Amino acid sequence: MTIFKQLEADWKESRIQQDSFKLTTLGTFLSDMKAKILNGMSMSVYGIYNPKDEEVIPHLKSTIKGLKAGLELAESQKGSDETHVVVDYKRKIRAEILLLESYLPQKLSEEELKQIVTNLKVAAGAKTGGALLGFVMGELKKGYPNLYDASLVRSLVETK
């Protein structure tokens, strides 16, 4: 099941379960994402709306990044004037971040990534430097999209 289908299914389930937090969070995200992807066009122009994970993941990451920035700003405003409303706001934002992060694919562990990079370095043959890095990154992008930390891959490729 695609991330989009899972988001929609969970949103529909939250309506049945009357989970207002999940209903609002997922509904807002889905609505914002559709508006960005469709660029203001009617869904009828595109037929059935079913974006691929590669389209959904950047929107998830962007939304999470925005929520984290808002939370960071709220955290920096600590002081004696922190009311229960501010505390509740922070709690809500943290919960939204956790909920949306749960839809992101789990990254490969460092050990898994080391093994894959080692195998790809062997498959690359005589390639070195930038050509080797380009080959490894290209293969990872094809086989493991959005599942690896590029800076970690770079350091693994550069080590002998």
N, C-alpha and C. Protein backbone atom coordinates (compact mmCIF):
# COMPACT_ATOMS: atom_id res chain seq x y z
N MET A 1 0.85 -1.18 0.00
CA MET A 1 0.00 0.00 0.00
C MET A 1 0.89 1.24 0.00
N THR A 2 0.55 2.21 -0.84
CA THR A 2 1.34 3.44 -0.89
C THR A 2 1.10 4.26 0.38
N ILE A 3 2.01 5.18 0.62
CA ILE A 3 1.87 6.06 1.79
C ILE A 3 0.58 6.87 1.68
N PHE A 4 0.28 7.34 0.47
CA PHE A 4 -0.94 8.12 0.27
C PHE A 4 -2.18 7.30 0.61
N LYS A 5 -2.23 6.07 0.10
CA LYS A 5 -3.38 5.20 0.39
C LYS A 5 -3.49 4.94 1.90
N GLN A 6 -2.35 4.76 2.57
CA GLN A 6 -2.36 4.53 4.02
C GLN A 6 -2.86 5.77 4.76
N LEU A 7 -2.40 6.95 4.33
CA LEU A 7 -2.86 8.20 4.93
C LEU A 7 -4.38 8.35 4.78
N GLU A 8 -4.87 8.09 3.57
CA GLU A 8 -6.31 8.20 3.33
C GLU A 8 -7.09 7.18 4.15
N ALA A 9 -6.59 5.94 4.21
CA ALA A 9 -7.28 4.90 4.98
C ALA A 9 -7.32 5.26 6.46
N ASP A 10 -6.21 5.77 6.97
CA ASP A 10 -6.16 6.15 8.39
C ASP A 10 -7.05 7.37 8.66
N TRP A 11 -7.11 8.29 7.70
CA TRP A 11 -7.99 9.44 7.84
C TRP A 11 -9.46 9.00 7.90
N LYS A 12 -9.83 8.08 7.00
CA LYS A 12 -11.21 7.57 6.99
C LYS A 12 -11.51 6.81 8.29
N GLU A 13 -10.56 6.04 8.75
CA GLU A 13 -10.74 5.30 10.01
C GLU A 13 -10.89 6.26 11.18
N SER A 14 -10.15 7.35 11.17
CA SER A 14 -10.26 8.33 12.26
C SER A 14 -11.65 8.98 12.28
N ARG A 15 -12.28 9.07 11.11
CA ARG A 15 -13.65 9.58 11.07
C ARG A 15 -14.59 8.60 11.75
N ILE A 16 -14.41 7.33 11.46
CA ILE A 16 -15.26 6.29 12.05
C ILE A 16 -15.05 6.23 13.57
N GLN A 17 -13.79 6.30 13.98
CA GLN A 17 -13.43 6.22 15.40
C GLN A 17 -13.67 7.53 16.14
N GLN A 18 -14.01 8.58 15.42
CA GLN A 18 -14.22 9.92 15.97
C GLN A 18 -12.99 10.41 16.74
N ASP A 19 -11.83 10.16 16.13
CA ASP A 19 -10.55 10.63 16.67
C ASP A 19 -10.27 12.00 16.06
N SER A 20 -10.69 13.05 16.75
CA SER A 20 -10.61 14.39 16.17
C SER A 20 -9.17 14.85 15.92
N PHE A 21 -8.23 14.45 16.77
CA PHE A 21 -6.84 14.84 16.57
C PHE A 21 -6.30 14.27 15.26
N LYS A 22 -6.44 12.97 15.08
CA LYS A 22 -5.93 12.31 13.88
C LYS A 22 -6.70 12.78 12.64
N LEU A 23 -8.00 12.94 12.78
CA LEU A 23 -8.83 13.40 11.67
C LEU A 23 -8.37 14.78 11.19
N THR A 24 -8.15 15.69 12.12
CA THR A 24 -7.73 17.04 11.77
C THR A 24 -6.31 17.06 11.21
N THR A 25 -5.39 16.36 11.86
CA THR A 25 -3.98 16.36 11.42
C THR A 25 -3.85 15.75 10.03
N LEU A 26 -4.41 14.57 9.84
CA LEU A 26 -4.29 13.91 8.54
C LEU A 26 -5.10 14.63 7.47
N GLY A 27 -6.28 15.12 7.83
CA GLY A 27 -7.10 15.84 6.86
C GLY A 27 -6.42 17.11 6.38
N THR A 28 -5.82 17.84 7.30
CA THR A 28 -5.11 19.07 6.93
C THR A 28 -3.92 18.74 6.04
N PHE A 29 -3.15 17.72 6.42
CA PHE A 29 -1.99 17.34 5.61
C PHE A 29 -2.42 16.93 4.21
N LEU A 30 -3.42 16.06 4.10
CA LEU A 30 -3.86 15.57 2.79
C LEU A 30 -4.37 16.73 1.93
N SER A 31 -5.11 17.63 2.52
CA SER A 31 -5.64 18.77 1.78
C SER A 31 -4.50 19.67 1.29
N ASP A 32 -3.54 19.97 2.15
CA ASP A 32 -2.40 20.81 1.76
C ASP A 32 -1.57 20.14 0.67
N MET A 33 -1.34 18.84 0.82
CA MET A 33 -0.54 18.12 -0.15
C MET A 33 -1.22 18.10 -1.51
N LYS A 34 -2.51 17.85 -1.53
CA LYS A 34 -3.24 17.84 -2.81
C LYS A 34 -3.17 19.20 -3.47
N ALA A 35 -3.30 20.25 -2.69
CA ALA A 35 -3.24 21.60 -3.24
C ALA A 35 -1.87 21.88 -3.85
N LYS A 36 -0.80 21.41 -3.19
CA LYS A 36 0.55 21.64 -3.72
C LYS A 36 0.80 20.81 -4.97
N ILE A 37 0.43 19.55 -4.94
CA ILE A 37 0.70 18.67 -6.08
C ILE A 37 -0.15 19.07 -7.28
N LEU A 38 -1.42 19.36 -7.04
CA LEU A 38 -2.32 19.69 -8.14
C LEU A 38 -2.16 21.14 -8.59
N ASN A 39 -1.45 21.94 -7.79
CA ASN A 39 -1.16 23.32 -8.16
C ASN A 39 -2.42 24.11 -8.48
N GLY A 40 -3.45 23.92 -7.67
CA GLY A 40 -4.69 24.66 -7.84
C GLY A 40 -5.63 24.11 -8.88
N MET A 41 -5.23 23.07 -9.59
CA MET A 41 -6.09 22.47 -10.63
C MET A 41 -7.14 21.58 -9.98
N SER A 42 -8.22 21.38 -10.65
CA SER A 42 -9.28 20.51 -10.17
C SER A 42 -8.80 19.06 -10.24
N MET A 43 -9.20 18.26 -9.26
CA MET A 43 -8.84 16.84 -9.30
C MET A 43 -9.47 16.16 -10.49
N SER A 44 -10.58 16.66 -11.00
CA SER A 44 -11.23 16.03 -12.14
C SER A 44 -10.35 16.10 -13.39
N VAL A 45 -9.46 17.10 -13.45
CA VAL A 45 -8.54 17.21 -14.58
C VAL A 45 -7.55 16.04 -14.56
N TYR A 46 -7.17 15.62 -13.36
CA TYR A 46 -6.17 14.57 -13.23
C TYR A 46 -6.77 13.18 -13.12
N GLY A 47 -8.06 13.06 -13.07
CA GLY A 47 -8.68 11.76 -12.90
C GLY A 47 -8.53 11.30 -11.46
N ILE A 48 -8.33 10.04 -11.25
CA ILE A 48 -8.18 9.50 -9.90
C ILE A 48 -6.85 9.98 -9.34
N TYR A 49 -6.90 10.54 -8.17
CA TYR A 49 -5.71 11.12 -7.53
C TYR A 49 -5.03 10.05 -6.69
N ASN A 50 -3.85 9.63 -7.11
CA ASN A 50 -3.13 8.58 -6.39
C ASN A 50 -1.63 8.81 -6.55
N PRO A 51 -1.07 9.79 -5.82
CA PRO A 51 0.36 10.09 -5.97
C PRO A 51 1.24 8.96 -5.45
N LYS A 52 2.41 8.87 -6.04
CA LYS A 52 3.39 7.86 -5.62
C LYS A 52 4.10 8.34 -4.37
N ASP A 53 4.76 7.40 -3.69
CA ASP A 53 5.49 7.73 -2.47
C ASP A 53 6.52 8.83 -2.71
N GLU A 54 7.14 8.84 -3.89
CA GLU A 54 8.15 9.84 -4.21
C GLU A 54 7.57 11.26 -4.21
N GLU A 55 6.26 11.37 -4.44
CA GLU A 55 5.60 12.67 -4.40
C GLU A 55 5.15 13.02 -2.98
N VAL A 56 4.78 12.02 -2.21
CA VAL A 56 4.22 12.24 -0.87
C VAL A 56 5.33 12.53 0.15
N ILE A 57 6.42 11.80 0.08
CA ILE A 57 7.50 11.91 1.07
C ILE A 57 8.04 13.34 1.20
N PRO A 58 8.32 14.04 0.10
CA PRO A 58 8.80 15.42 0.27
C PRO A 58 7.79 16.32 1.00
N HIS A 59 6.51 16.10 0.76
CA HIS A 59 5.49 16.89 1.44
C HIS A 59 5.43 16.55 2.92
N LEU A 60 5.58 15.28 3.24
CA LEU A 60 5.64 14.87 4.65
C LEU A 60 6.83 15.54 5.33
N LYS A 61 8.00 15.44 4.70
CA LYS A 61 9.21 16.01 5.29
C LYS A 61 9.09 17.52 5.45
N SER A 62 8.54 18.18 4.45
CA SER A 62 8.38 19.63 4.51
C SER A 62 7.42 20.04 5.63
N THR A 63 6.32 19.33 5.75
CA THR A 63 5.35 19.62 6.81
C THR A 63 5.96 19.39 8.18
N ILE A 64 6.69 18.30 8.35
CA ILE A 64 7.34 17.99 9.62
C ILE A 64 8.38 19.05 9.95
N LYS A 65 9.14 19.47 8.94
CA LYS A 65 10.15 20.51 9.15
C LYS A 65 9.49 21.80 9.63
N GLY A 66 8.38 22.17 9.03
CA GLY A 66 7.65 23.37 9.45
C GLY A 66 7.12 23.26 10.87
N LEU A 67 6.59 22.09 11.21
CA LEU A 67 6.10 21.88 12.58
C LEU A 67 7.24 21.97 13.58
N LYS A 68 8.38 21.39 13.23
CA LYS A 68 9.54 21.44 14.13
C LYS A 68 10.03 22.87 14.31
N ALA A 69 10.00 23.65 13.25
CA ALA A 69 10.41 25.05 13.35
C ALA A 69 9.47 25.82 14.26
N GLY A 70 8.18 25.57 14.13
CA GLY A 70 7.20 26.22 15.01
C GLY A 70 7.37 25.81 16.45
N LEU A 71 7.66 24.53 16.66
CA LEU A 71 7.88 24.03 18.01
C LEU A 71 9.14 24.64 18.61
N GLU A 72 10.19 24.74 17.80
CA GLU A 72 11.44 25.34 18.27
C GLU A 72 11.23 26.79 18.68
N LEU A 73 10.45 27.50 17.89
CA LEU A 73 10.14 28.89 18.22
C LEU A 73 9.35 28.97 19.53
N ALA A 74 8.37 28.09 19.68
CA ALA A 74 7.57 28.07 20.91
C ALA A 74 8.44 27.71 22.11
N GLU A 75 9.38 26.78 21.92
CA GLU A 75 10.27 26.36 23.00
C GLU A 75 11.19 27.52 23.42
N SER A 76 11.57 28.35 22.47
CA SER A 76 12.47 29.47 22.79
C SER A 76 11.76 30.57 23.56
N GLN A 77 10.46 30.53 23.61
CA GLN A 77 9.67 31.57 24.29
C GLN A 77 9.37 31.22 25.74
N LYS A 78 10.10 30.28 26.32
CA LYS A 78 9.85 29.88 27.70
C LYS A 78 10.02 31.06 28.64
N GLY A 79 9.30 30.99 29.70
CA GLY A 79 9.40 32.05 30.69
C GLY A 79 8.24 31.96 31.66
N SER A 80 8.10 32.95 32.46
CA SER A 80 7.06 32.94 33.48
C SER A 80 5.67 33.09 32.87
N ASP A 81 5.60 33.55 31.62
CA ASP A 81 4.30 33.75 30.99
C ASP A 81 3.81 32.51 30.25
N GLU A 82 4.47 31.38 30.45
CA GLU A 82 4.06 30.16 29.77
C GLU A 82 2.77 29.64 30.41
N THR A 83 1.70 29.72 29.68
CA THR A 83 0.39 29.32 30.19
C THR A 83 0.09 27.89 29.79
N HIS A 84 -1.00 27.37 30.32
CA HIS A 84 -1.39 26.02 29.96
C HIS A 84 -1.73 25.93 28.47
N VAL A 85 -2.16 27.04 27.85
CA VAL A 85 -2.46 27.06 26.42
C VAL A 85 -1.18 26.82 25.62
N VAL A 86 -0.09 27.45 26.02
CA VAL A 86 1.19 27.28 25.34
C VAL A 86 1.70 25.85 25.52
N VAL A 87 1.57 25.34 26.72
CA VAL A 87 2.00 23.96 26.99
C VAL A 87 1.18 22.98 26.16
N ASP A 88 -0.13 23.21 26.08
CA ASP A 88 -0.99 22.35 25.27
C ASP A 88 -0.63 22.44 23.79
N TYR A 89 -0.31 23.64 23.33
CA TYR A 89 0.10 23.84 21.94
C TYR A 89 1.35 23.02 21.63
N LYS A 90 2.35 23.11 22.50
CA LYS A 90 3.59 22.36 22.30
C LYS A 90 3.32 20.86 22.28
N ARG A 91 2.48 20.40 23.18
CA ARG A 91 2.14 18.97 23.24
C ARG A 91 1.46 18.54 21.95
N LYS A 92 0.55 19.36 21.45
CA LYS A 92 -0.17 19.05 20.22
C LYS A 92 0.80 18.99 19.03
N ILE A 93 1.71 19.94 18.93
CA ILE A 93 2.67 19.97 17.82
C ILE A 93 3.58 18.74 17.87
N ARG A 94 4.04 18.39 19.07
CA ARG A 94 4.88 17.18 19.20
C ARG A 94 4.11 15.95 18.73
N ALA A 95 2.84 15.85 19.10
CA ALA A 95 2.02 14.71 18.69
C ALA A 95 1.82 14.70 17.17
N GLU A 96 1.62 15.85 16.57
CA GLU A 96 1.47 15.92 15.11
C GLU A 96 2.75 15.47 14.42
N ILE A 97 3.89 15.90 14.94
CA ILE A 97 5.18 15.50 14.36
C ILE A 97 5.33 13.98 14.43
N LEU A 98 5.05 13.40 15.59
CA LEU A 98 5.16 11.95 15.74
C LEU A 98 4.22 11.21 14.79
N LEU A 99 2.99 11.70 14.68
CA LEU A 99 2.02 11.05 13.80
C LEU A 99 2.50 11.08 12.35
N LEU A 100 2.90 12.24 11.87
CA LEU A 100 3.33 12.35 10.47
C LEU A 100 4.64 11.59 10.21
N GLU A 101 5.56 11.60 11.18
CA GLU A 101 6.81 10.85 11.01
C GLU A 101 6.55 9.35 10.90
N SER A 102 5.48 8.88 11.49
CA SER A 102 5.18 7.45 11.44
C SER A 102 4.87 6.98 10.02
N TYR A 103 4.58 7.90 9.11
CA TYR A 103 4.30 7.54 7.71
C TYR A 103 5.54 7.56 6.83
N LEU A 104 6.63 8.10 7.35
CA LEU A 104 7.87 8.10 6.59
C LEU A 104 8.49 6.71 6.61
N PRO A 105 9.08 6.28 5.50
CA PRO A 105 9.75 4.98 5.50
C PRO A 105 10.92 4.99 6.48
N GLN A 106 11.16 3.86 7.11
CA GLN A 106 12.27 3.75 8.06
C GLN A 106 13.59 3.71 7.29
N LYS A 107 14.53 4.52 7.72
CA LYS A 107 15.84 4.58 7.09
C LYS A 107 16.60 3.27 7.36
N LEU A 108 17.51 2.97 6.45
CA LEU A 108 18.39 1.82 6.65
C LEU A 108 19.30 2.10 7.83
N SER A 109 19.58 1.08 8.61
CA SER A 109 20.51 1.26 9.73
C SER A 109 21.92 1.45 9.17
N GLU A 110 22.81 1.93 10.01
CA GLU A 110 24.19 2.15 9.57
C GLU A 110 24.83 0.83 9.13
N GLU A 111 24.55 -0.24 9.84
CA GLU A 111 25.10 -1.55 9.47
C GLU A 111 24.58 -2.01 8.12
N GLU A 112 23.27 -1.88 7.91
CA GLU A 112 22.69 -2.28 6.62
C GLU A 112 23.28 -1.46 5.49
N LEU A 113 23.42 -0.16 5.73
CA LEU A 113 23.96 0.72 4.72
C LEU A 113 25.43 0.38 4.41
N LYS A 114 26.21 0.07 5.45
CA LYS A 114 27.62 -0.33 5.24
C LYS A 114 27.69 -1.54 4.32
N GLN A 115 26.86 -2.52 4.57
CA GLN A 115 26.87 -3.75 3.77
C GLN A 115 26.49 -3.46 2.32
N ILE A 116 25.46 -2.67 2.12
CA ILE A 116 25.01 -2.34 0.77
C ILE A 116 26.10 -1.56 0.03
N VAL A 117 26.68 -0.56 0.68
CA VAL A 117 27.73 0.26 0.06
C VAL A 117 28.94 -0.60 -0.28
N THR A 118 29.31 -1.49 0.61
CA THR A 118 30.44 -2.40 0.35
C THR A 118 30.18 -3.22 -0.91
N ASN A 119 28.99 -3.77 -1.01
CA ASN A 119 28.63 -4.57 -2.19
C ASN A 119 28.63 -3.72 -3.46
N LEU A 120 28.13 -2.49 -3.36
CA LEU A 120 28.10 -1.61 -4.52
C LEU A 120 29.51 -1.17 -4.94
N LYS A 121 30.40 -1.00 -3.97
CA LYS A 121 31.79 -0.64 -4.30
C LYS A 121 32.45 -1.77 -5.09
N VAL A 122 32.15 -2.99 -4.72
CA VAL A 122 32.68 -4.15 -5.46
C VAL A 122 32.08 -4.17 -6.87
N ALA A 123 30.76 -3.93 -6.95
CA ALA A 123 30.09 -3.94 -8.26
C ALA A 123 30.57 -2.81 -9.16
N ALA A 124 31.07 -1.73 -8.58
CA ALA A 124 31.52 -0.57 -9.36
C ALA A 124 32.83 -0.84 -10.09
N GLY A 125 33.53 -1.87 -9.69
CA GLY A 125 34.78 -2.21 -10.36
C GLY A 125 35.88 -1.20 -10.12
N ALA A 126 36.43 -0.65 -11.19
CA ALA A 126 37.60 0.23 -11.10
C ALA A 126 37.23 1.69 -10.84
N LYS A 127 35.97 2.00 -10.68
CA LYS A 127 35.56 3.40 -10.47
C LYS A 127 36.11 3.91 -9.14
N THR A 128 36.53 5.17 -9.16
CA THR A 128 37.04 5.80 -7.94
C THR A 128 36.50 7.22 -7.85
N GLY A 129 36.70 7.84 -6.70
CA GLY A 129 36.35 9.25 -6.49
C GLY A 129 34.89 9.56 -6.77
N GLY A 130 34.68 10.62 -7.56
CA GLY A 130 33.34 11.08 -7.87
C GLY A 130 32.53 10.08 -8.68
N ALA A 131 33.22 9.34 -9.55
CA ALA A 131 32.52 8.34 -10.37
C ALA A 131 31.98 7.22 -9.48
N LEU A 132 32.77 6.82 -8.49
CA LEU A 132 32.33 5.78 -7.56
C LEU A 132 31.15 6.28 -6.73
N LEU A 133 31.29 7.49 -6.20
CA LEU A 133 30.20 8.05 -5.40
C LEU A 133 28.93 8.18 -6.22
N GLY A 134 29.06 8.65 -7.46
CA GLY A 134 27.90 8.78 -8.35
C GLY A 134 27.24 7.44 -8.63
N PHE A 135 28.07 6.41 -8.84
CA PHE A 135 27.53 5.08 -9.10
C PHE A 135 26.76 4.57 -7.88
N VAL A 136 27.38 4.67 -6.70
CA VAL A 136 26.76 4.17 -5.47
C VAL A 136 25.46 4.92 -5.19
N MET A 137 25.49 6.26 -5.29
CA MET A 137 24.29 7.05 -5.02
C MET A 137 23.18 6.72 -6.02
N GLY A 138 23.56 6.54 -7.28
CA GLY A 138 22.57 6.19 -8.30
C GLY A 138 21.89 4.86 -8.02
N GLU A 139 22.69 3.89 -7.63
CA GLU A 139 22.13 2.56 -7.32
C GLU A 139 21.25 2.60 -6.07
N LEU A 140 21.69 3.37 -5.07
CA LEU A 140 20.88 3.51 -3.86
C LEU A 140 19.56 4.20 -4.17
N LYS A 141 19.61 5.20 -5.00
CA LYS A 141 18.39 5.93 -5.36
C LYS A 141 17.40 5.02 -6.06
N LYS A 142 17.91 4.13 -6.91
CA LYS A 142 17.03 3.19 -7.62
C LYS A 142 16.47 2.12 -6.68
N GLY A 143 17.34 1.54 -5.86
CA GLY A 143 16.95 0.41 -5.04
C GLY A 143 16.39 0.74 -3.66
N TYR A 144 16.79 1.90 -3.13
CA TYR A 144 16.40 2.25 -1.76
C TYR A 144 16.02 3.73 -1.67
N PRO A 145 15.05 4.17 -2.47
CA PRO A 145 14.72 5.60 -2.47
C PRO A 145 14.26 6.09 -1.11
N ASN A 146 14.85 7.22 -0.68
CA ASN A 146 14.48 7.88 0.58
C ASN A 146 14.75 7.03 1.83
N LEU A 147 15.59 6.01 1.72
CA LEU A 147 15.83 5.13 2.86
C LEU A 147 17.25 5.23 3.41
N TYR A 148 18.01 6.21 2.96
CA TYR A 148 19.40 6.30 3.40
C TYR A 148 19.78 7.74 3.68
N ASP A 149 20.83 7.89 4.47
CA ASP A 149 21.38 9.20 4.79
C ASP A 149 22.55 9.44 3.83
N ALA A 150 22.38 10.41 2.94
CA ALA A 150 23.38 10.65 1.89
C ALA A 150 24.75 11.02 2.45
N SER A 151 24.79 11.77 3.55
CA SER A 151 26.09 12.14 4.11
C SER A 151 26.81 10.92 4.68
N LEU A 152 26.05 9.98 5.23
CA LEU A 152 26.65 8.74 5.71
C LEU A 152 27.17 7.91 4.54
N VAL A 153 26.42 7.87 3.45
CA VAL A 153 26.86 7.13 2.27
C VAL A 153 28.16 7.72 1.75
N ARG A 154 28.23 9.04 1.69
CA ARG A 154 29.46 9.71 1.22
C ARG A 154 30.65 9.29 2.07
N SER A 155 30.48 9.29 3.40
CA SER A 155 31.61 8.93 4.26
C SER A 155 31.97 7.45 4.10
N LEU A 156 30.99 6.60 3.86
CA LEU A 156 31.26 5.18 3.67
C LEU A 156 31.98 4.93 2.35
N VAL A 157 31.62 5.68 1.30
CA VAL A 157 32.27 5.52 0.01
C VAL A 157 33.71 6.00 0.08
N GLU A 158 33.94 7.09 0.82
CA GLU A 158 35.27 7.67 0.89
C GLU A 158 36.24 6.88 1.75
N THR A 159 35.72 6.03 2.66
CA THR A 159 36.61 5.20 3.48
C THR A 159 37.05 3.99 2.67
N LYS A 160 38.24 3.59 2.92
CA LYS A 160 38.81 2.46 2.19
C LYS A 160 38.36 1.14 2.75
